[in-house]
C-alpha cells in the first residue's frame, strides 16, 4: 500500500487555505457582510483567491452553492481572525442570511 505524503505543521509552507461553501438566503443583507468582511480579512493578512465565480462539478455528489477560497499567512492568522472580535459582529450578519460550510487546509511546502 502506498502512503500519500502530507504536509505537517513542521514543514508546511505557512500558508493556510479556507474553503467556504455558502448558500445565501438574503442577497441584499449578504452584500452588507461582503462590504464589511473584506477590510477585516485583509487587516488579518487574508486575501480572496476565489469569490463566488462560476464552477463546474467533475466528480462526486457535492453541489456547492457558492465557493470562496481564502488564503492566510498561517493557521494561527486564520484562527485569530475567525475567533477574533473584529469578525464576531460581521459573522453574525453572515449567520443571519446564509448557511456556510468551512474547511481549512495547510499549504504545501515549497519543495514538495
PDB file of N, CA and C in Angstrom:
ATOM      1  N   UNK A   1       0.846  -1.183   0.000  1.00  0.00           N
ATOM      2  CA  UNK A   1       0.000   0.000   0.000  1.00  0.00           C
ATOM      3  C   UNK A   1       0.889   1.243   0.000  1.00  0.00           C
ATOM      4  N   UNK A   2       0.566   2.204  -0.833  1.00  0.00           N
ATOM      5  CA  UNK A   2       1.342   3.425  -0.955  1.00  0.00           C
ATOM      6  C   UNK A   2       0.805   4.483  -0.004  1.00  0.00           C
ATOM      7  N   UNK A   3       1.707   5.161   0.674  1.00  0.00           N
ATOM      8  CA  UNK A   3       1.316   6.250   1.571  1.00  0.00           C
ATOM      9  C   UNK A   3       1.404   7.563   0.807  1.00  0.00           C
ATOM     10  N   UNK A   4       0.388   8.379   0.918  1.00  0.00           N
ATOM     11  CA  UNK A   4       0.375   9.681   0.252  1.00  0.00           C
ATOM     12  C   UNK A   4       1.026  10.689   1.176  1.00  0.00           C
ATOM     13  N   UNK A   5       2.090  11.381   0.708  1.00  0.00           N
ATOM     14  CA  UNK A   5       2.755  12.364   1.565  1.00  0.00           C
ATOM     15  C   UNK A   5       1.825  13.529   1.871  1.00  0.00           C
ATOM     16  N   UNK A   6       1.887  14.017   3.096  1.00  0.00           N
ATOM     17  CA  UNK A   6       1.091  15.160   3.511  1.00  0.00           C
ATOM     18  C   UNK A   6       1.993  16.160   4.205  1.00  0.00           C
ATOM     19  N   UNK A   7       1.640  17.433   4.038  1.00  0.00           N
ATOM     20  CA  UNK A   7       2.361  18.474   4.765  1.00  0.00           C
ATOM     21  C   UNK A   7       2.019  18.356   6.237  1.00  0.00           C
ATOM     22  N   UNK A   8       2.999  18.560   7.085  1.00  0.00           N
ATOM     23  CA  UNK A   8       2.772  18.560   8.519  1.00  0.00           C
ATOM     24  C   UNK A   8       3.034  19.959   9.037  1.00  0.00           C
ATOM     25  N   UNK A   9       2.569  20.281  10.245  1.00  0.00           N
ATOM     26  CA  UNK A   9       2.795  21.629  10.768  1.00  0.00           C
ATOM     27  C   UNK A   9       4.260  22.047  10.756  1.00  0.00           C
ATOM     28  N   UNK A  10       5.183  21.109  10.894  1.00  0.00           N
ATOM     29  CA  UNK A  10       6.595  21.476  10.946  1.00  0.00           C
ATOM     30  C   UNK A  10       7.187  21.782   9.572  1.00  0.00           C
ATOM     31  N   UNK A  11       6.562  21.265   8.482  1.00  0.00           N
ATOM     32  CA  UNK A  11       7.128  21.526   7.166  1.00  0.00           C
ATOM     33  C   UNK A  11       6.174  22.254   6.222  1.00  0.00           C
ATOM     34  N   UNK A  12       5.050  22.724   6.712  1.00  0.00           N
ATOM     35  CA  UNK A  12       4.092  23.424   5.869  1.00  0.00           C
ATOM     36  C   UNK A  12       4.663  24.759   5.409  1.00  0.00           C
ATOM     37  N   UNK A  13       4.144  25.242   4.298  1.00  0.00           N
ATOM     38  CA  UNK A  13       4.647  26.491   3.715  1.00  0.00           C
ATOM     39  C   UNK A  13       4.301  27.693   4.574  1.00  0.00           C
ATOM     40  N   UNK A  14       3.420  27.516   5.506  1.00  0.00           N
ATOM     41  CA  UNK A  14       2.956  28.637   6.316  1.00  0.00           C
ATOM     42  C   UNK A  14       1.606  29.112   5.839  1.00  0.00           C
ATOM     43  N   UNK A  15       1.336  29.048   4.536  1.00  0.00           N
ATOM     44  CA  UNK A  15       0.036  29.471   4.030  1.00  0.00           C
ATOM     45  C   UNK A  15      -1.043  28.515   4.516  1.00  0.00           C
ATOM     46  N   UNK A  16      -2.207  29.086   4.781  1.00  0.00           N
ATOM     47  CA  UNK A  16      -3.348  28.301   5.229  1.00  0.00           C
ATOM     48  C   UNK A  16      -4.531  28.710   4.373  1.00  0.00           C
ATOM     49  N   UNK A  17      -5.249  27.736   3.869  1.00  0.00           N
ATOM     50  CA  UNK A  17      -6.350  27.992   2.945  1.00  0.00           C
ATOM     51  C   UNK A  17      -7.664  27.574   3.581  1.00  0.00           C
ATOM     52  N   UNK A  18      -8.682  28.388   3.367  1.00  0.00           N
ATOM     53  CA  UNK A  18     -10.012  28.094   3.891  1.00  0.00           C
ATOM     54  C   UNK A  18     -10.961  28.043   2.704  1.00  0.00           C
ATOM     55  N   UNK A  19     -11.643  26.913   2.576  1.00  0.00           N
ATOM     56  CA  UNK A  19     -12.623  26.703   1.510  1.00  0.00           C
ATOM     57  C   UNK A  19     -14.002  26.873   2.131  1.00  0.00           C
ATOM     58  N   UNK A  20     -14.798  27.730   1.524  1.00  0.00           N
ATOM     59  CA  UNK A  20     -16.123  28.045   2.044  1.00  0.00           C
ATOM     60  C   UNK A  20     -17.159  27.700   0.983  1.00  0.00           C
ATOM     61  N   UNK A  21     -18.181  26.970   1.380  1.00  0.00           N
ATOM     62  CA  UNK A  21     -19.346  26.685   0.541  1.00  0.00           C
ATOM     63  C   UNK A  21     -20.506  27.400   1.224  1.00  0.00           C
ATOM     64  N   UNK A  22     -21.015  28.437   0.594  1.00  0.00           N
ATOM     65  CA  UNK A  22     -22.037  29.257   1.239  1.00  0.00           C
ATOM     66  C   UNK A  22     -23.303  29.320   0.394  1.00  0.00           C
ATOM     67  N   UNK A  23     -24.430  29.149   1.065  1.00  0.00           N
ATOM     68  CA  UNK A  23     -25.737  29.289   0.438  1.00  0.00           C
ATOM     69  C   UNK A  23     -26.376  30.561   0.990  1.00  0.00           C
ATOM     70  N   UNK A  24     -26.655  31.504   0.119  1.00  0.00           N
ATOM     71  CA  UNK A  24     -27.162  32.815   0.526  1.00  0.00           C
ATOM     72  C   UNK A  24     -28.691  32.821   0.468  1.00  0.00           C
ATOM     73  N   UNK A  25     -29.318  33.283   1.572  1.00  0.00           N
ATOM     74  CA  UNK A  25     -30.771  33.379   1.636  1.00  0.00           C
ATOM     75  C   UNK A  25     -31.271  34.802   1.400  1.00  0.00           C
ATOM     76  N   UNK A  26     -30.454  35.788   1.700  1.00  0.00           N
ATOM     77  CA  UNK A  26     -30.844  37.196   1.554  1.00  0.00           C
ATOM     78  C   UNK A  26     -29.657  37.949   0.950  1.00  0.00           C
ATOM     79  N   UNK A  27     -29.682  38.145  -0.370  1.00  0.00           N
ATOM     80  CA  UNK A  27     -28.548  38.716  -1.078  1.00  0.00           C
ATOM     81  C   UNK A  27     -28.255  40.152  -0.653  1.00  0.00           C
ATOM     82  N   UNK A  28     -29.266  40.948  -0.416  1.00  0.00           N
ATOM     83  CA  UNK A  28     -29.032  42.345  -0.010  1.00  0.00           C
ATOM     84  C   UNK A  28     -28.276  42.422   1.314  1.00  0.00           C
ATOM     85  N   UNK A  29     -28.704  41.667   2.306  1.00  0.00           N
ATOM     86  CA  UNK A  29     -28.009  41.660   3.604  1.00  0.00           C
ATOM     87  C   UNK A  29     -26.626  41.020   3.487  1.00  0.00           C
ATOM     88  N   UNK A  30     -26.501  40.032   2.607  1.00  0.00           N
ATOM     89  CA  UNK A  30     -25.203  39.401   2.414  1.00  0.00           C
ATOM     90  C   UNK A  30     -24.209  40.393   1.817  1.00  0.00           C
ATOM     91  N   UNK A  31     -24.686  41.286   0.990  1.00  0.00           N
ATOM     92  CA  UNK A  31     -23.808  42.327   0.434  1.00  0.00           C
ATOM     93  C   UNK A  31     -23.235  43.195   1.558  1.00  0.00           C
ATOM     94  N   UNK A  32     -24.032  43.464   2.580  1.00  0.00           N
ATOM     95  CA  UNK A  32     -23.535  44.202   3.749  1.00  0.00           C
ATOM     96  C   UNK A  32     -22.388  43.441   4.390  1.00  0.00           C
ATOM     97  N   UNK A  33     -22.550  42.135   4.538  1.00  0.00           N
ATOM     98  CA  UNK A  33     -21.490  41.283   5.077  1.00  0.00           C
ATOM     99  C   UNK A  33     -20.235  41.394   4.214  1.00  0.00           C
ATOM    100  N   UNK A  34     -20.386  41.274   2.896  1.00  0.00           N
ATOM    101  CA  UNK A  34     -19.228  41.304   1.994  1.00  0.00           C
ATOM    102  C   UNK A  34     -18.482  42.636   2.082  1.00  0.00           C
ATOM    103  N   UNK A  35     -19.209  43.737   2.211  1.00  0.00           N
ATOM    104  CA  UNK A  35     -18.569  45.054   2.324  1.00  0.00           C
ATOM    105  C   UNK A  35     -17.748  45.172   3.606  1.00  0.00           C
ATOM    106  N   UNK A  36     -18.236  44.582   4.681  1.00  0.00           N
ATOM    107  CA  UNK A  36     -17.561  44.692   5.968  1.00  0.00           C
ATOM    108  C   UNK A  36     -16.444  43.673   6.154  1.00  0.00           C
ATOM    109  N   UNK A  37     -16.588  42.495   5.584  1.00  0.00           N
ATOM    110  CA  UNK A  37     -15.632  41.425   5.854  1.00  0.00           C
ATOM    111  C   UNK A  37     -14.302  41.637   5.138  1.00  0.00           C
ATOM    112  N   UNK A  38     -14.319  42.177   3.949  1.00  0.00           N
ATOM    113  CA  UNK A  38     -13.070  42.300   3.188  1.00  0.00           C
ATOM    114  C   UNK A  38     -12.004  43.105   3.928  1.00  0.00           C
ATOM    115  N   UNK A  39     -12.306  44.326   4.424  1.00  0.00           N
ATOM    116  CA  UNK A  39     -11.261  45.067   5.141  1.00  0.00           C
ATOM    117  C   UNK A  39     -10.765  44.331   6.392  1.00  0.00           C
ATOM    118  N   UNK A  40     -11.660  43.664   7.116  1.00  0.00           N
ATOM    119  CA  UNK A  40     -11.262  42.932   8.322  1.00  0.00           C
ATOM    120  C   UNK A  40     -10.380  41.741   7.948  1.00  0.00           C
ATOM    121  N   UNK A  41     -10.737  41.054   6.896  1.00  0.00           N
ATOM    122  CA  UNK A  41      -9.972  39.907   6.428  1.00  0.00           C
ATOM    123  C   UNK A  41      -8.575  40.351   5.989  1.00  0.00           C
ATOM    124  N   UNK A  42      -8.494  41.429   5.215  1.00  0.00           N
ATOM    125  CA  UNK A  42      -7.193  41.923   4.758  1.00  0.00           C
ATOM    126  C   UNK A  42      -6.342  42.421   5.913  1.00  0.00           C
ATOM    127  N   UNK A  43      -6.957  43.037   6.900  1.00  0.00           N
ATOM    128  CA  UNK A  43      -6.230  43.504   8.092  1.00  0.00           C
ATOM    129  C   UNK A  43      -5.583  42.328   8.825  1.00  0.00           C
ATOM    130  N   UNK A  44      -6.227  41.155   8.756  1.00  0.00           N
ATOM    131  CA  UNK A  44      -5.711  39.948   9.414  1.00  0.00           C
ATOM    132  C   UNK A  44      -4.700  39.208   8.537  1.00  0.00           C
ATOM    133  N   UNK A  45      -4.385  39.748   7.358  1.00  0.00           N
ATOM    134  CA  UNK A  45      -3.417  39.112   6.471  1.00  0.00           C
ATOM    135  C   UNK A  45      -4.025  38.165   5.465  1.00  0.00           C
ATOM    136  N   UNK A  46      -5.354  38.098   5.415  1.00  0.00           N
ATOM    137  CA  UNK A  46      -6.026  37.198   4.488  1.00  0.00           C
ATOM    138  C   UNK A  46      -6.303  37.855   3.153  1.00  0.00           C
ATOM    139  N   UNK A  47      -6.562  36.995   2.177  1.00  0.00           N
ATOM    140  CA  UNK A  47      -6.968  37.513   0.869  1.00  0.00           C
ATOM    141  C   UNK A  47      -7.844  36.493   0.156  1.00  0.00           C
ATOM    142  N   UNK A  48      -8.672  36.999  -0.730  1.00  0.00           N
ATOM    143  CA  UNK A  48      -9.524  36.146  -1.539  1.00  0.00           C
ATOM    144  C   UNK A  48      -8.724  35.600  -2.721  1.00  0.00           C
ATOM    145  N   UNK A  49      -8.846  34.309  -2.968  1.00  0.00           N
ATOM    146  CA  UNK A  49      -8.326  33.701  -4.187  1.00  0.00           C
ATOM    147  C   UNK A  49      -9.474  33.381  -5.138  1.00  0.00           C
ATOM    148  N   UNK A  50     -10.617  33.043  -4.572  1.00  0.00           N
ATOM    149  CA  UNK A  50     -11.843  32.774  -5.318  1.00  0.00           C
ATOM    150  C   UNK A  50     -12.975  33.397  -4.527  1.00  0.00           C
ATOM    151  N   UNK A  51     -13.883  34.046  -5.236  1.00  0.00           N
ATOM    152  CA  UNK A  51     -15.006  34.667  -4.537  1.00  0.00           C
ATOM    153  C   UNK A  51     -16.277  34.524  -5.372  1.00  0.00           C
ATOM    154  N   UNK A  52     -16.836  33.316  -5.361  1.00  0.00           N
ATOM    155  CA  UNK A  52     -18.141  33.090  -5.973  1.00  0.00           C
ATOM    156  C   UNK A  52     -18.169  33.011  -7.478  1.00  0.00           C
ATOM    157  N   UNK A  53     -17.059  32.706  -8.130  1.00  0.00           N
ATOM    158  CA  UNK A  53     -17.068  32.565  -9.587  1.00  0.00           C
ATOM    159  C   UNK A  53     -17.799  31.304 -10.034  1.00  0.00           C
ATOM    160  N   UNK A  54     -17.971  31.194 -11.324  1.00  0.00           N
ATOM    161  CA  UNK A  54     -18.624  30.007 -11.884  1.00  0.00           C
ATOM    162  C   UNK A  54     -17.773  28.776 -11.575  1.00  0.00           C
ATOM    163  N   UNK A  55     -18.431  27.686 -11.266  1.00  0.00           N
ATOM    164  CA  UNK A  55     -17.718  26.443 -11.000  1.00  0.00           C
ATOM    165  C   UNK A  55     -18.420  25.284 -11.698  1.00  0.00           C
ATOM    166  N   UNK A  56     -17.705  24.195 -11.881  1.00  0.00           N
ATOM    167  CA  UNK A  56     -18.231  23.015 -12.565  1.00  0.00           C
ATOM    168  C   UNK A  56     -17.865  21.783 -11.756  1.00  0.00           C
ATOM    169  N   UNK A  57     -18.803  20.903 -11.556  1.00  0.00           N
ATOM    170  CA  UNK A  57     -18.574  19.666 -10.812  1.00  0.00           C
ATOM    171  C   UNK A  57     -18.095  18.601 -11.793  1.00  0.00           C
ATOM    172  N   UNK A  58     -16.946  17.997 -11.478  1.00  0.00           N
ATOM    173  CA  UNK A  58     -16.380  16.956 -12.333  1.00  0.00           C
ATOM    174  C   UNK A  58     -16.601  15.556 -11.777  1.00  0.00           C
ATOM    175  N   UNK A  59     -16.645  15.431 -10.460  1.00  0.00           N
ATOM    176  CA  UNK A  59     -16.860  14.120  -9.846  1.00  0.00           C
ATOM    177  C   UNK A  59     -17.586  14.289  -8.531  1.00  0.00           C
ATOM    178  N   UNK A  60     -18.266  13.255  -8.118  1.00  0.00           N
ATOM    179  CA  UNK A  60     -18.896  13.227  -6.802  1.00  0.00           C
ATOM    180  C   UNK A  60     -20.253  13.903  -6.769  1.00  0.00           C
ATOM    181  N   UNK A  61     -20.826  13.910  -5.565  1.00  0.00           N
ATOM    182  CA  UNK A  61     -22.171  14.444  -5.414  1.00  0.00           C
ATOM    183  C   UNK A  61     -22.225  15.761  -4.634  1.00  0.00           C
ATOM    184  N   UNK A  62     -21.068  16.381  -4.420  1.00  0.00           N
ATOM    185  CA  UNK A  62     -21.019  17.676  -3.749  1.00  0.00           C
ATOM    186  C   UNK A  62     -21.522  18.737  -4.727  1.00  0.00           C
ATOM    187  N   UNK A  63     -22.521  19.500  -4.319  1.00  0.00           N
ATOM    188  CA  UNK A  63     -23.075  20.554  -5.159  1.00  0.00           C
ATOM    189  C   UNK A  63     -23.022  21.882  -4.410  1.00  0.00           C
ATOM    190  N   UNK A  64     -21.846  22.485  -4.355  1.00  0.00           N
ATOM    191  CA  UNK A  64     -21.737  23.751  -3.626  1.00  0.00           C
ATOM    192  C   UNK A  64     -22.559  24.851  -4.293  1.00  0.00           C
ATOM    193  N   UNK A  65     -23.117  25.720  -3.477  1.00  0.00           N
ATOM    194  CA  UNK A  65     -23.913  26.837  -3.988  1.00  0.00           C
ATOM    195  C   UNK A  65     -23.002  27.965  -4.471  1.00  0.00           C
ATOM    196  N   UNK A  66     -22.089  28.396  -3.612  1.00  0.00           N
ATOM    197  CA  UNK A  66     -21.162  29.483  -3.923  1.00  0.00           C
ATOM    198  C   UNK A  66     -19.847  29.135  -3.232  1.00  0.00           C
ATOM    199  N   UNK A  67     -18.751  29.149  -3.971  1.00  0.00           N
ATOM    200  CA  UNK A  67     -17.456  28.795  -3.400  1.00  0.00           C
ATOM    201  C   UNK A  67     -16.602  30.036  -3.186  1.00  0.00           C
ATOM    202  N   UNK A  68     -15.936  30.038  -2.041  1.00  0.00           N
ATOM    203  CA  UNK A  68     -14.983  31.090  -1.701  1.00  0.00           C
ATOM    204  C   UNK A  68     -13.714  30.384  -1.241  1.00  0.00           C
ATOM    205  N   UNK A  69     -12.564  30.865  -1.695  1.00  0.00           N
ATOM    206  CA  UNK A  69     -11.279  30.319  -1.272  1.00  0.00           C
ATOM    207  C   UNK A  69     -10.455  31.469  -0.702  1.00  0.00           C
ATOM    208  N   UNK A  70     -10.065  31.318   0.553  1.00  0.00           N
ATOM    209  CA  UNK A  70      -9.285  32.340   1.248  1.00  0.00           C
ATOM    210  C   UNK A  70      -7.873  31.827   1.490  1.00  0.00           C
ATOM    211  N   UNK A  71      -6.919  32.749   1.487  1.00  0.00           N
ATOM    212  CA  UNK A  71      -5.542  32.414   1.832  1.00  0.00           C
ATOM    213  C   UNK A  71      -5.114  33.295   2.999  1.00  0.00           C
ATOM    214  N   UNK A  72      -4.533  32.678   4.012  1.00  0.00           N
ATOM    215  CA  UNK A  72      -3.982  33.383   5.163  1.00  0.00           C
ATOM    216  C   UNK A  72      -2.519  33.001   5.298  1.00  0.00           C
ATOM    217  N   UNK A  73      -1.713  33.847   5.917  1.00  0.00           N
ATOM    218  CA  UNK A  73      -0.291  33.534   6.052  1.00  0.00           C
ATOM    219  C   UNK A  73      -0.019  32.320   6.940  1.00  0.00           C
ATOM    220  N   UNK A  74      -0.973  31.972   7.796  1.00  0.00           N
ATOM    221  CA  UNK A  74      -0.800  30.816   8.684  1.00  0.00           C
ATOM    222  C   UNK A  74      -2.151  30.410   9.248  1.00  0.00           C
ATOM    223  N   UNK A  75      -2.172  29.228   9.827  1.00  0.00           N
ATOM    224  CA  UNK A  75      -3.387  28.770  10.505  1.00  0.00           C
ATOM    225  C   UNK A  75      -3.704  29.686  11.697  1.00  0.00           C
ATOM    226  N   UNK A  76      -2.661  30.094  12.413  1.00  0.00           N
ATOM    227  CA  UNK A  76      -2.870  31.000  13.546  1.00  0.00           C
ATOM    228  C   UNK A  76      -3.506  32.306  13.105  1.00  0.00           C
ATOM    229  N   UNK A  77      -3.070  32.848  11.951  1.00  0.00           N
ATOM    230  CA  UNK A  77      -3.645  34.094  11.440  1.00  0.00           C
ATOM    231  C   UNK A  77      -5.123  33.911  11.132  1.00  0.00           C
ATOM    232  N   UNK A  78      -5.476  32.784  10.497  1.00  0.00           N
ATOM    233  CA  UNK A  78      -6.881  32.492  10.205  1.00  0.00           C
ATOM    234  C   UNK A  78      -7.701  32.375  11.494  1.00  0.00           C
ATOM    235  N   UNK A  79      -7.206  31.576  12.431  1.00  0.00           N
ATOM    236  CA  UNK A  79      -7.970  31.343  13.654  1.00  0.00           C
ATOM    237  C   UNK A  79      -8.091  32.612  14.495  1.00  0.00           C
ATOM    238  N   UNK A  80      -7.060  33.448  14.490  1.00  0.00           N
ATOM    239  CA  UNK A  80      -7.151  34.728  15.201  1.00  0.00           C
ATOM    240  C   UNK A  80      -8.222  35.612  14.570  1.00  0.00           C
ATOM    241  N   UNK A  81      -8.301  35.598  13.255  1.00  0.00           N
ATOM    242  CA  UNK A  81      -9.338  36.356  12.546  1.00  0.00           C
ATOM    243  C   UNK A  81     -10.717  35.769  12.847  1.00  0.00           C
ATOM    244  N   UNK A  82     -10.880  34.465  12.617  1.00  0.00           N
ATOM    245  CA  UNK A  82     -12.178  33.802  12.728  1.00  0.00           C
ATOM    246  C   UNK A  82     -12.763  33.894  14.137  1.00  0.00           C
ATOM    247  N   UNK A  83     -11.916  33.765  15.148  1.00  0.00           N
ATOM    248  CA  UNK A  83     -12.388  33.792  16.531  1.00  0.00           C
ATOM    249  C   UNK A  83     -12.220  35.164  17.176  1.00  0.00           C
ATOM    250  N   UNK A  84     -11.723  36.123  16.425  1.00  0.00           N
ATOM    251  CA  UNK A  84     -11.421  37.436  16.988  1.00  0.00           C
ATOM    252  C   UNK A  84     -12.605  38.386  17.043  1.00  0.00           C
ATOM    253  N   UNK A  85     -12.456  39.464  17.790  1.00  0.00           N
ATOM    254  CA  UNK A  85     -13.544  40.422  17.982  1.00  0.00           C
ATOM    255  C   UNK A  85     -13.925  41.172  16.705  1.00  0.00           C
ATOM    256  N   UNK A  86     -12.996  41.400  15.787  1.00  0.00           N
ATOM    257  CA  UNK A  86     -13.323  42.133  14.567  1.00  0.00           C
ATOM    258  C   UNK A  86     -14.316  41.352  13.701  1.00  0.00           C
ATOM    259  N   UNK A  87     -14.200  40.040  13.675  1.00  0.00           N
ATOM    260  CA  UNK A  87     -15.068  39.226  12.827  1.00  0.00           C
ATOM    261  C   UNK A  87     -16.367  38.829  13.524  1.00  0.00           C
ATOM    262  N   UNK A  88     -16.386  38.873  14.831  1.00  0.00           N
ATOM    263  CA  UNK A  88     -17.549  38.399  15.587  1.00  0.00           C
ATOM    264  C   UNK A  88     -18.854  39.038  15.115  1.00  0.00           C
ATOM    265  N   UNK A  89     -18.901  40.349  15.056  1.00  0.00           N
ATOM    266  CA  UNK A  89     -20.124  41.036  14.631  1.00  0.00           C
ATOM    267  C   UNK A  89     -20.419  40.857  13.159  1.00  0.00           C
ATOM    268  N   UNK A  90     -19.368  40.795  12.352  1.00  0.00           N
ATOM    269  CA  UNK A  90     -19.551  40.603  10.913  1.00  0.00           C
ATOM    270  C   UNK A  90     -20.099  39.201  10.641  1.00  0.00           C
ATOM    271  N   UNK A  91     -19.567  38.212  11.344  1.00  0.00           N
ATOM    272  CA  UNK A  91     -20.026  36.833  11.173  1.00  0.00           C
ATOM    273  C   UNK A  91     -21.498  36.702  11.549  1.00  0.00           C
ATOM    274  N   UNK A  92     -21.937  37.469  12.521  1.00  0.00           N
ATOM    275  CA  UNK A  92     -23.346  37.426  12.927  1.00  0.00           C
ATOM    276  C   UNK A  92     -24.252  37.785  11.751  1.00  0.00           C
ATOM    277  N   UNK A  93     -23.825  38.746  10.939  1.00  0.00           N
ATOM    278  CA  UNK A  93     -24.599  39.107   9.737  1.00  0.00           C
ATOM    279  C   UNK A  93     -24.650  37.913   8.791  1.00  0.00           C
ATOM    280  N   UNK A  94     -23.485  37.300   8.543  1.00  0.00           N
ATOM    281  CA  UNK A  94     -23.438  36.145   7.642  1.00  0.00           C
ATOM    282  C   UNK A  94     -24.339  35.024   8.131  1.00  0.00           C
ATOM    283  N   UNK A  95     -24.290  34.765   9.436  1.00  0.00           N
ATOM    284  CA  UNK A  95     -25.098  33.683  10.003  1.00  0.00           C
ATOM    285  C   UNK A  95     -26.596  33.944   9.855  1.00  0.00           C
ATOM    286  N   UNK A  96     -27.004  35.207   9.890  1.00  0.00           N
ATOM    287  CA  UNK A  96     -28.425  35.556   9.745  1.00  0.00           C
ATOM    288  C   UNK A  96     -28.943  35.298   8.336  1.00  0.00           C
ATOM    289  N   UNK A  97     -28.100  35.470   7.333  1.00  0.00           N
ATOM    290  CA  UNK A  97     -28.586  35.492   5.954  1.00  0.00           C
ATOM    291  C   UNK A  97     -28.038  34.370   5.068  1.00  0.00           C
ATOM    292  N   UNK A  98     -27.245  33.478   5.650  1.00  0.00           N
ATOM    293  CA  UNK A  98     -26.667  32.399   4.838  1.00  0.00           C
ATOM    294  C   UNK A  98     -26.335  31.194   5.706  1.00  0.00           C
ATOM    295  N   UNK A  99     -26.070  30.106   5.023  1.00  0.00           N
ATOM    296  CA  UNK A  99     -25.585  28.890   5.662  1.00  0.00           C
ATOM    297  C   UNK A  99     -24.247  28.562   5.011  1.00  0.00           C
ATOM    298  N   UNK A 100     -23.244  28.267   5.824  1.00  0.00           N
ATOM    299  CA  UNK A 100     -21.911  28.027   5.268  1.00  0.00           C
ATOM    300  C   UNK A 100     -21.282  26.761   5.829  1.00  0.00           C
ATOM    301  N   UNK A 101     -20.426  26.174   5.020  1.00  0.00           N
ATOM    302  CA  UNK A 101     -19.537  25.087   5.440  1.00  0.00           C
ATOM    303  C   UNK A 101     -18.123  25.598   5.190  1.00  0.00           C
ATOM    304  N   UNK A 102     -17.256  25.453   6.170  1.00  0.00           N
ATOM    305  CA  UNK A 102     -15.874  25.915   6.047  1.00  0.00           C
ATOM    306  C   UNK A 102     -14.934  24.779   6.384  1.00  0.00           C
ATOM    307  N   UNK A 103     -13.861  24.684   5.624  1.00  0.00           N
ATOM    308  CA  UNK A 103     -12.815  23.720   5.926  1.00  0.00           C
ATOM    309  C   UNK A 103     -11.480  24.412   5.674  1.00  0.00           C
ATOM    310  N   UNK A 104     -10.524  24.173   6.561  1.00  0.00           N
ATOM    311  CA  UNK A 104      -9.194  24.753   6.409  1.00  0.00           C
ATOM    312  C   UNK A 104      -8.178  23.675   6.115  1.00  0.00           C
ATOM    313  N   UNK A 105      -7.138  24.069   5.359  1.00  0.00           N
ATOM    314  CA  UNK A 105      -6.093  23.107   4.995  1.00  0.00           C
ATOM    315  C   UNK A 105      -4.747  23.826   4.910  1.00  0.00           C
ATOM    316  N   UNK A 106      -3.709  23.153   5.403  1.00  0.00           N
ATOM    317  CA  UNK A 106      -2.358  23.683   5.337  1.00  0.00           C
ATOM    318  C   UNK A 106      -1.884  23.713   3.892  1.00  0.00           C
ATOM    319  N   UNK A 107      -1.075  24.721   3.559  1.00  0.00           N
ATOM    320  CA  UNK A 107      -0.480  24.798   2.229  1.00  0.00           C
ATOM    321  C   UNK A 107       0.634  23.771   2.058  1.00  0.00           C
ATOM    322  N   UNK A 108       1.011  23.526   0.825  1.00  0.00           N
ATOM    323  CA  UNK A 108       2.083  22.594   0.503  1.00  0.00           C
ATOM    324  C   UNK A 108       3.428  23.288   0.681  1.00  0.00           C
ATOM    325  N   UNK A 109       4.389  22.613   1.293  1.00  0.00           N
ATOM    326  CA  UNK A 109       5.717  23.224   1.440  1.00  0.00           C
ATOM    327  C   UNK A 109       6.318  23.538   0.065  1.00  0.00           C
ATOM    328  N   UNK A 110       7.152  24.574  -0.030  1.00  0.00           N
ATOM    329  CA  UNK A 110       7.714  24.983  -1.319  1.00  0.00           C
ATOM    330  C   UNK A 110       8.451  23.863  -2.065  1.00  0.00           C
ATOM    331  N   UNK A 111       9.136  22.964  -1.379  1.00  0.00           N
ATOM    332  CA  UNK A 111       9.912  21.911  -2.050  1.00  0.00           C
ATOM    333  C   UNK A 111       9.146  20.615  -2.190  1.00  0.00           C
ATOM    334  N   UNK A 112       7.843  20.618  -2.039  1.00  0.00           N
ATOM    335  CA  UNK A 112       7.024  19.416  -2.060  1.00  0.00           C
ATOM    336  C   UNK A 112       6.994  18.795  -3.431  1.00  0.00           C
TER     337      UNK A 112
END
